[in-house]
Protein backbone atom coordinates (compact mmCIF):
# COMPACT_ATOMS: atom_id res chain seq x y z
CA MET A 1 35.08 68.98 135.55
CA THR A 2 36.01 70.18 132.24
CA ASP A 3 33.88 71.51 129.04
CA ASP A 4 34.80 68.88 127.31
CA LEU A 5 33.49 66.52 129.80
CA ILE A 6 30.04 68.71 130.08
CA ASP A 7 30.07 68.30 126.29
CA GLY A 8 29.53 64.84 126.35
CA LEU A 9 26.78 64.71 129.05
CA LEU A 10 24.63 67.49 126.66
CA TYR A 11 23.90 64.63 124.08
CA ARG A 12 22.81 62.12 126.92
CA THR A 13 19.27 61.73 127.94
CA GLU A 14 18.36 61.76 131.73
CA GLY A 15 18.55 58.82 133.91
CA SER A 16 19.95 57.71 136.65
CA ASP A 17 23.51 58.87 136.58
CA LEU A 18 22.47 62.59 135.30
CA ASP A 19 19.93 65.07 136.06
CA PHE A 20 20.06 68.32 134.34
CA LYS A 21 17.83 71.68 136.30
CA ALA A 22 17.06 75.22 134.61
CA GLU A 23 17.59 76.54 137.99
CA GLN A 24 19.62 76.27 141.64
CA TYR A 25 17.84 74.49 144.59
CA ALA A 26 16.19 77.09 146.47
CA LEU A 27 17.68 77.01 149.89
CA SER A 28 18.09 80.01 151.51
CA GLY A 29 14.50 81.55 152.84
CA GLU A 30 12.58 79.41 152.00
CA ASP A 31 10.50 76.38 153.74
CA ASN A 32 11.16 73.00 154.62
CA GLU A 33 9.33 70.99 152.13
CA THR A 34 11.27 73.24 149.35
CA LYS A 35 14.66 72.74 150.37
CA SER A 36 14.35 69.42 150.99
CA GLU A 37 14.50 68.74 146.82
CA LEU A 38 18.04 69.05 147.36
CA LEU A 39 18.95 66.11 149.49
CA LYS A 40 15.82 63.88 148.13
CA ASP A 41 17.96 64.38 145.09
CA ILE A 42 21.14 63.63 146.27
CA LEU A 43 19.86 61.03 148.41
CA ALA A 44 18.80 58.92 144.95
CA MET A 45 21.22 59.81 142.60
CA ALA A 46 23.45 57.93 145.58
CA ASN A 47 21.14 55.25 145.96
CA ALA A 48 21.06 55.10 141.92
CA TRP A 49 21.65 51.33 140.20
CA ARG A 50 25.33 52.73 138.20
CA GLU A 51 28.51 52.12 137.17
CA GLY A 52 30.08 55.64 137.40
CA PRO A 53 29.70 58.82 139.08
CA ALA A 54 26.44 60.56 138.88
CA TYR A 55 25.90 64.83 137.88
CA ILE A 56 23.57 67.20 138.39
CA LEU A 57 23.75 69.89 136.12
CA LEU A 58 22.63 73.23 137.09
CA GLY A 59 21.65 75.86 134.43
CA PHE A 60 20.47 73.54 131.75
CA LYS A 61 16.78 74.19 130.30
CA GLU A 62 15.81 70.57 128.37
CA GLU A 63 14.54 70.87 125.08
CA LYS A 64 13.86 67.13 124.38
CA PRO A 65 14.57 65.80 122.04
CA ASN A 66 17.60 68.23 121.43
CA PRO A 67 20.55 69.13 124.11
CA PRO A 68 19.56 70.58 126.91
CA GLN A 69 20.05 74.77 126.30
CA VAL A 70 22.31 76.45 128.66
CA ILE A 71 21.18 79.18 130.32
CA GLY A 72 22.97 79.36 133.64
CA ILE A 73 22.64 80.44 137.15
CA SER A 74 21.99 83.68 138.94
CA GLU A 75 21.48 82.35 142.59
CA PHE A 76 24.76 81.11 143.93
CA HIS A 77 25.62 78.88 146.88
CA ASP A 78 29.08 77.12 148.03
CA ASP A 79 29.75 73.30 148.59
CA ALA A 80 29.93 74.17 152.31
CA HIS A 81 26.74 75.19 152.49
CA PHE A 82 25.45 72.07 150.22
CA GLN A 83 27.31 69.90 151.88
CA GLN A 84 26.50 70.67 155.91
CA LEU A 85 22.59 71.02 154.66
CA VAL A 86 23.11 67.00 152.77
CA ASN A 87 25.42 65.52 155.26
CA SER A 88 23.64 66.88 158.44
CA LYS A 89 20.60 64.92 157.53
CA VAL A 90 21.66 61.57 156.48
CA THR A 91 23.31 58.56 157.66
CA PRO A 92 26.11 57.18 156.68
CA LYS A 93 27.51 60.62 155.01
CA ILE A 94 27.46 60.91 151.67
CA GLN A 95 30.57 61.93 149.14
CA PHE A 96 30.01 64.60 146.64
CA LYS A 97 31.28 67.90 145.36
CA TYR A 98 29.55 70.90 144.20
CA GLU A 99 31.29 73.19 141.88
CA VAL A 100 29.96 76.32 140.17
CA ARG A 101 32.24 77.40 136.63
CA PRO A 102 32.14 79.60 133.56
CA TYR A 103 30.67 77.46 130.29
CA ARG A 104 29.65 78.95 127.50
CA GLY A 105 29.68 82.94 128.72
CA VAL A 106 27.44 82.03 131.66
CA THR A 107 27.65 80.24 135.09
CA VAL A 108 26.31 77.12 136.20
CA GLY A 109 26.43 74.51 138.83
CA ILE A 110 27.63 70.99 139.14
CA ILE A 111 27.13 68.77 141.69
CA THR A 112 29.44 65.18 140.98
CA ILE A 113 28.11 62.03 143.15
CA PRO A 114 30.98 59.26 142.43
CA LYS A 115 29.94 55.47 143.28
CA GLN A 116 29.97 54.59 146.83
CA PRO A 117 28.58 51.70 149.13
CA ARG A 118 24.68 52.77 150.29
CA PRO A 119 22.27 52.70 151.15
CA PHE A 120 21.82 56.48 152.51
CA PHE A 121 18.47 57.15 153.91
CA ALA A 122 17.50 60.36 156.02
CA PRO A 123 16.81 59.07 160.15
CA ARG A 124 14.43 61.87 160.75
CA THR A 125 11.50 63.20 158.15
CA TRP A 126 12.19 66.54 156.81
CA GLY A 127 10.91 68.10 154.09
CA ARG A 128 9.27 65.97 151.44
CA VAL A 129 11.94 63.41 152.50
CA LEU A 130 10.31 60.82 155.29
CA ALA A 131 12.45 58.87 157.47
CA ASN A 132 14.43 56.06 156.95
CA THR A 133 13.13 55.58 153.37
CA VAL A 134 15.89 54.91 150.76
CA TYR A 135 15.05 56.67 147.44
CA VAL A 136 16.31 55.69 144.32
CA ARG A 137 16.92 57.01 140.97
CA ARG A 138 15.45 55.22 138.33
CA GLY A 139 15.55 56.76 134.76
CA SER A 140 15.02 59.99 134.74
CA SER A 141 12.70 59.90 137.53
CA THR A 142 13.01 59.04 141.89
CA ALA A 143 11.03 55.86 143.43
CA THR A 144 11.55 53.88 146.55
CA ALA A 145 13.82 51.24 146.94
CA LEU A 146 12.08 47.87 147.33
CA PRO A 147 13.17 45.49 150.44
CA ASP A 148 15.37 43.05 148.91
CA GLU A 149 16.64 45.92 146.68
CA ILE A 150 17.89 47.66 150.27
CA ALA A 151 19.26 44.04 151.23
CA LYS A 152 21.19 44.38 147.87
CA MET A 153 22.33 47.65 148.56
CA GLY A 154 23.87 46.31 151.99
CA ALA A 155 25.72 43.02 151.03
CA GLU A 156 27.11 45.02 147.50
CA ALA A 157 28.71 47.82 150.41
CA GLU A 158 29.82 45.23 152.77
CA GLU A 159 31.86 43.68 149.88
CA GLU A 160 33.21 47.07 148.91
CA ARG A 161 34.10 47.38 152.48
CA ARG A 162 36.08 44.28 152.10
CA ARG A 163 37.88 44.64 149.16
CA PRO A 164 42.07 45.47 149.54
CA LEU A 165 42.26 49.26 147.91
CA VAL A 166 46.52 49.42 147.77
CA ASP A 167 48.45 51.81 145.43
CA ILE A 168 51.95 50.94 144.98
CA SER A 169 54.09 53.74 144.18
CA PHE A 170 58.15 54.22 142.73
CA LEU A 171 59.13 57.61 143.16
CA THR A 172 62.68 59.46 142.85
CA ALA A 173 63.68 61.37 146.16
CA GLU A 174 62.32 64.76 144.74
CA GLY A 175 58.78 62.55 145.46
CA ASP A 176 58.41 62.31 141.16
CA ASP A 177 56.85 59.20 139.70
CA VAL A 178 59.95 57.34 138.44
CA PHE A 179 57.68 55.76 135.46
CA ALA A 180 56.54 59.31 134.52
CA VAL A 181 59.13 60.05 131.89
CA LYS A 182 62.08 58.39 130.31
CA ARG A 183 64.76 57.41 132.79
CA SER A 184 68.78 57.67 131.59
CA ALA A 185 71.62 55.57 133.34
CA ARG A 186 75.53 55.93 132.60
CA ILE A 187 77.41 52.34 132.15
CA LEU A 188 81.32 52.96 132.68
CA ASP A 189 84.08 50.47 131.76
CA PHE A 190 87.36 51.39 133.50
CA GLY A 191 89.03 48.50 132.34
CA SER A 192 90.37 46.44 135.50
CA ILE A 193 89.71 48.64 138.59
CA ARG A 194 92.04 47.02 140.88
CA ASP A 195 94.79 48.10 138.02
CA LEU A 196 94.38 51.53 138.43
CA PRO A 197 97.42 53.06 140.21
CA ASP A 198 97.47 54.11 144.12
CA PHE A 199 96.37 57.75 145.36
CA SER A 200 98.68 59.83 147.02
CA PHE A 201 99.57 63.33 148.43
CA ARG A 202 102.49 64.95 146.67
CA SER A 203 104.40 67.19 148.25
CA SER A 204 106.72 69.82 147.43
CA SER A 205 108.86 68.96 150.07
CA GLY A 206 109.83 65.74 148.86
CA GLY A 207 112.00 62.94 151.44
CA ILE A 208 110.42 61.87 154.91
CA PHE A 209 107.40 64.87 154.54
CA ASN A 210 105.93 63.35 151.46
CA SER A 211 106.29 59.84 153.57
CA ILE A 212 104.48 61.27 156.89
CA GLU A 213 101.88 63.07 154.41
CA ASN A 214 100.71 59.85 153.41
CA LEU A 215 100.79 58.35 156.17
CA ASN A 216 96.57 58.50 156.53
CA THR A 217 96.12 58.62 152.95
CA ASN A 218 93.32 56.25 151.32
CA SER A 219 95.64 54.95 148.95
CA ASN A 220 92.49 52.97 146.91
CA TYR A 221 90.95 56.54 146.64
CA TRP A 222 91.03 55.89 142.91
CA ARG A 223 89.84 52.59 142.89
CA ASP A 224 86.96 53.37 145.22
CA LEU A 225 85.84 56.04 143.37
CA ALA A 226 85.66 54.27 140.12
CA LYS A 227 83.41 51.82 141.71
CA TRP A 228 81.11 54.82 143.60
CA LEU A 229 81.05 56.44 139.77
CA SER A 230 80.13 52.95 138.48
CA ALA A 231 77.78 51.64 140.76
CA HIS A 232 75.60 55.27 141.14
CA LEU A 233 75.67 56.32 137.24
CA ALA A 234 74.30 53.00 136.55
CA ALA A 235 71.74 52.95 139.01
CA ILE A 236 67.90 54.02 138.72
CA PRO A 237 67.00 55.04 142.46
CA VAL A 238 63.22 54.12 143.35
CA HIS A 239 61.88 54.72 146.83
CA VAL A 240 58.87 52.17 147.31
CA HIS A 241 55.71 53.72 148.86
CA VAL A 242 52.30 51.38 149.37
CA TYR A 243 49.62 53.43 150.23
CA ASN A 244 46.58 51.50 151.73
CA ARG A 245 43.13 52.29 151.38
CA SER A 246 41.09 49.60 152.29
CA SER A 247 38.76 50.04 155.34
CA PHE A 248 41.24 46.97 157.19
CA ALA A 249 44.65 47.10 158.15
CA LEU A 250 47.20 45.16 156.32
CA SER A 251 49.64 43.08 158.44
CA ASP A 252 53.13 41.03 157.40
CA CYS A 253 53.19 42.74 154.31
CA LYS A 254 55.11 41.41 151.82
CA LEU A 255 55.90 42.98 148.00
CA GLU A 256 57.44 41.13 145.36
CA ILE A 257 59.51 43.06 142.72
CA THR A 258 60.45 41.24 139.61
CA VAL A 259 61.73 42.75 136.37
CA ASP A 260 59.78 41.44 133.40
CA THR A 261 62.02 40.42 130.86
CA GLU A 262 59.65 38.59 128.43
CA ALA A 263 57.87 42.19 128.13
CA GLY A 264 61.05 44.42 128.13
CA VAL A 265 64.84 44.64 128.53
CA ALA A 266 66.79 43.16 131.29
CA ALA A 267 67.74 44.41 134.56
CA GLY A 268 69.04 44.01 138.21
CA PHE A 269 68.51 44.75 141.62
CA ARG A 270 70.72 46.00 144.23
CA SER A 271 69.50 47.82 147.86
CA GLY A 272 70.52 51.49 147.96
CA SER A 273 72.29 50.94 151.26
CA SER A 274 74.66 48.08 149.83
CA LEU A 275 76.01 50.72 147.23
CA PRO A 276 79.57 52.41 147.71
CA ASP A 277 79.54 55.58 150.12
CA TYR A 278 81.40 58.36 148.42
CA PRO A 279 85.16 57.58 149.35
CA GLN A 280 88.04 59.93 151.22
CA LYS A 281 91.42 60.26 150.49
CA GLU A 282 92.43 60.44 153.92
CA ARG A 283 91.70 57.12 156.20
CA SER A 284 90.71 58.08 160.18
CA LEU A 285 93.23 56.55 162.16
CA TYR A 286 90.19 56.46 165.11
CA PRO A 287 87.55 54.87 162.91
CA LEU A 288 85.18 54.56 165.60
CA SER A 289 85.70 57.26 166.87
CA GLY A 290 82.04 59.49 166.73
CA ARG A 291 80.39 56.82 165.83
CA ILE A 292 76.83 56.03 167.73
CA PRO A 293 75.66 52.47 167.31
CA ASN A 294 72.82 52.11 165.22
CA PHE A 295 70.32 49.64 167.90
CA ALA A 296 67.70 50.42 165.10
CA ILE A 297 68.92 47.59 162.43
CA ARG A 298 66.35 44.73 162.17
CA ASP A 299 67.38 40.98 162.38
CA GLU A 300 65.30 40.33 159.27
CA PRO A 301 65.58 43.77 156.81
CA ASN A 302 62.91 45.09 155.53
CA LEU A 303 64.54 45.09 151.12
CA SER A 304 66.40 41.98 150.37
CA VAL A 305 67.30 40.74 147.00
CA GLU A 306 66.66 37.61 146.57
CA GLY A 307 68.38 35.11 143.00
CA GLU A 308 71.42 35.29 140.56
CA GLU A 309 71.84 37.76 137.99
CA GLY A 310 68.70 37.77 135.04
CA LYS A 311 66.53 36.03 137.58
CA GLN A 312 66.58 38.46 140.70
CA ARG A 313 63.74 38.87 142.96
CA CYS A 314 63.53 42.32 144.94
CA ILE A 315 61.89 41.30 148.23
CA VAL A 316 59.70 44.55 150.29
CA ARG A 317 58.34 43.88 153.52
CA PHE A 318 56.73 45.99 156.27
CA PRO A 319 54.72 44.83 159.60
CA LYS A 320 51.30 47.02 158.85
CA ILE A 321 49.86 49.72 157.24
CA LEU A 322 46.89 50.99 158.89
CA PRO A 323 43.85 52.06 157.10
CA GLY A 324 44.73 55.46 155.26
CA GLU A 325 48.51 55.50 155.99
CA THR A 326 51.49 55.33 153.58
CA ALA A 327 54.28 52.63 154.55
CA ILE A 328 57.56 54.22 153.09
CA LEU A 329 60.96 52.02 152.77
CA ASP A 330 63.72 53.77 154.40
CA ASN A 331 66.10 52.49 152.18
CA TYR A 332 65.61 52.55 148.23
CA LEU A 333 66.36 50.20 145.57
CA ALA A 334 68.40 50.58 143.19
CA ILE A 335 67.58 49.55 139.77
CA PHE A 336 70.90 48.53 136.86
CA PRO A 337 69.24 48.22 133.42
CA GLN A 338 71.37 46.75 130.85
CA GLU A 339 70.34 48.35 127.60
CA CYS A 340 68.15 51.10 125.69
CA GLY A 341 64.20 50.11 125.59
CA ILE A 342 61.47 49.64 127.46
CA LEU A 343 61.98 48.62 131.42
CA ALA A 344 59.01 46.30 132.84
CA PHE A 345 57.98 45.25 136.41
CA ARG A 346 55.94 43.16 137.84
CA SER A 347 54.93 43.12 141.50
CA ARG A 348 52.77 41.70 143.51
CA LEU A 349 51.18 42.32 147.30
CA LEU A 350 50.63 39.58 149.88
CA ALA A 351 49.42 39.94 153.45
CA SER A 352 47.79 38.17 155.99
CA GLU A 353 44.71 39.32 155.19
CA LEU A 354 44.50 39.20 151.97
CA SER A 355 42.98 35.67 150.26
CA GLU A 356 45.23 35.92 147.34
CA PRO A 357 47.89 38.57 145.92
CA LEU A 358 47.07 41.98 144.69
CA PRO A 359 49.14 42.16 141.15
CA TYR A 360 50.46 45.56 139.57
CA ARG A 361 52.32 46.24 136.32
CA HIS A 362 54.55 49.07 135.58
CA SER A 363 57.22 50.18 133.09
CA VAL A 364 59.13 52.91 131.77
CA GLU A 365 61.34 53.86 128.89
CA VAL A 366 65.47 53.71 129.36
CA GLU A 367 68.39 54.91 127.32
CA VAL A 368 71.73 53.26 129.09
CA LEU A 369 75.06 54.90 127.75
CA ARG A 370 78.39 53.42 127.47
CA ASP A 371 81.16 55.10 128.09
CA THR A 372 85.36 54.24 128.29
CA LYS A 373 86.91 56.03 131.68
CA THR A 374 90.26 55.98 132.39
CA ILE A 375 92.83 57.29 135.29
CA GLU A 376 93.12 60.64 133.51
CA ASP A 377 89.27 61.41 132.89
CA LEU A 378 89.16 60.08 137.17
CA VAL A 379 91.59 62.80 137.67
CA ASN A 380 90.45 65.48 136.17
CA ALA A 381 86.89 65.03 137.65
CA ASP A 382 88.13 64.99 140.80
CA ALA A 383 90.29 68.00 140.13
CA GLY A 384 87.47 70.03 139.24
CA LYS A 385 84.67 69.05 141.54
CA THR A 386 82.47 72.02 143.63
CA PRO A 387 80.50 69.35 143.84
CA ARG A 388 80.69 68.69 140.03
CA LEU A 389 81.97 65.22 139.42
CA PRO A 390 79.59 62.59 137.51
CA LEU A 391 82.35 62.76 134.45
């Protein structure tokens, strides 16, 4: 809750989503009739017909038709006290938050009740709250909900529970949002990479010793290094996370990602595992030694790229995502923007439980730099690496 939000609420009148209280709710040492006022107010607000969150502001004295006077509260309770009192007596549990904060030189209390599936009621009578009664806020007063109103609440709650809620995130290796800031890529031009010279170790003794030293040399080192730099500097690596906020599991999930060239610049896709590994100057005489077979490789990879350049589509698959679970792609997606501008994406999520795909849109500003490099640049960068390398 911010000062600006409180300022805005003060210029509104009380209604189904707003209530002003001059004093703190009496909880300690009071009888149930008095203490139940808090429970009844929260029940009525939680059951109210509204579009957004509801607020109960404590320490605000009404002075109609003027905005309420900010007088503050002198008695304090913590959120845990309010939560225990309310949710130990209602079904189902109500999501709400109570906070105490300074405002205009005094201390005020704020109860925030988000919109959530209804109805809520107390199964047993407690003070002013009657058992199995659905209270609802109408305007600035509290009433008892009618039977058809309660039925409508239940139907709405069931529809809400069946609604798919899924968040798609594209993150850096550090967990930051890829689309939060401008991203950069470098396209290197080495000319014809296959025309780069062979690599060899130079021995001071020369002759036969030089030949023996180069038996295990990777003669393609300069060419491999140029390919590695070209691929990794031109790519924007993206880690895909899918968070299922729905109340049900999603199975046979398929996320399709395409570049929207009508809304931005062109770009290509590659699987991160398909990019070249960092090259070694020496070749192993026993290429299979020390390697453990990977029996975890699936017949159908969870990341694939389809289509030709300019019309590519990335496919990400997850067998099942439980409610509240975040599915994380083991591999990463490498995106290759071709020019500066806005890079826009269209995504859609399909699953067995979804009657239609869920659509998503993302965009980010990209800067693409183009550099011409030579064998001398490779040699100089390689000589000074510790671990500095990328040209």
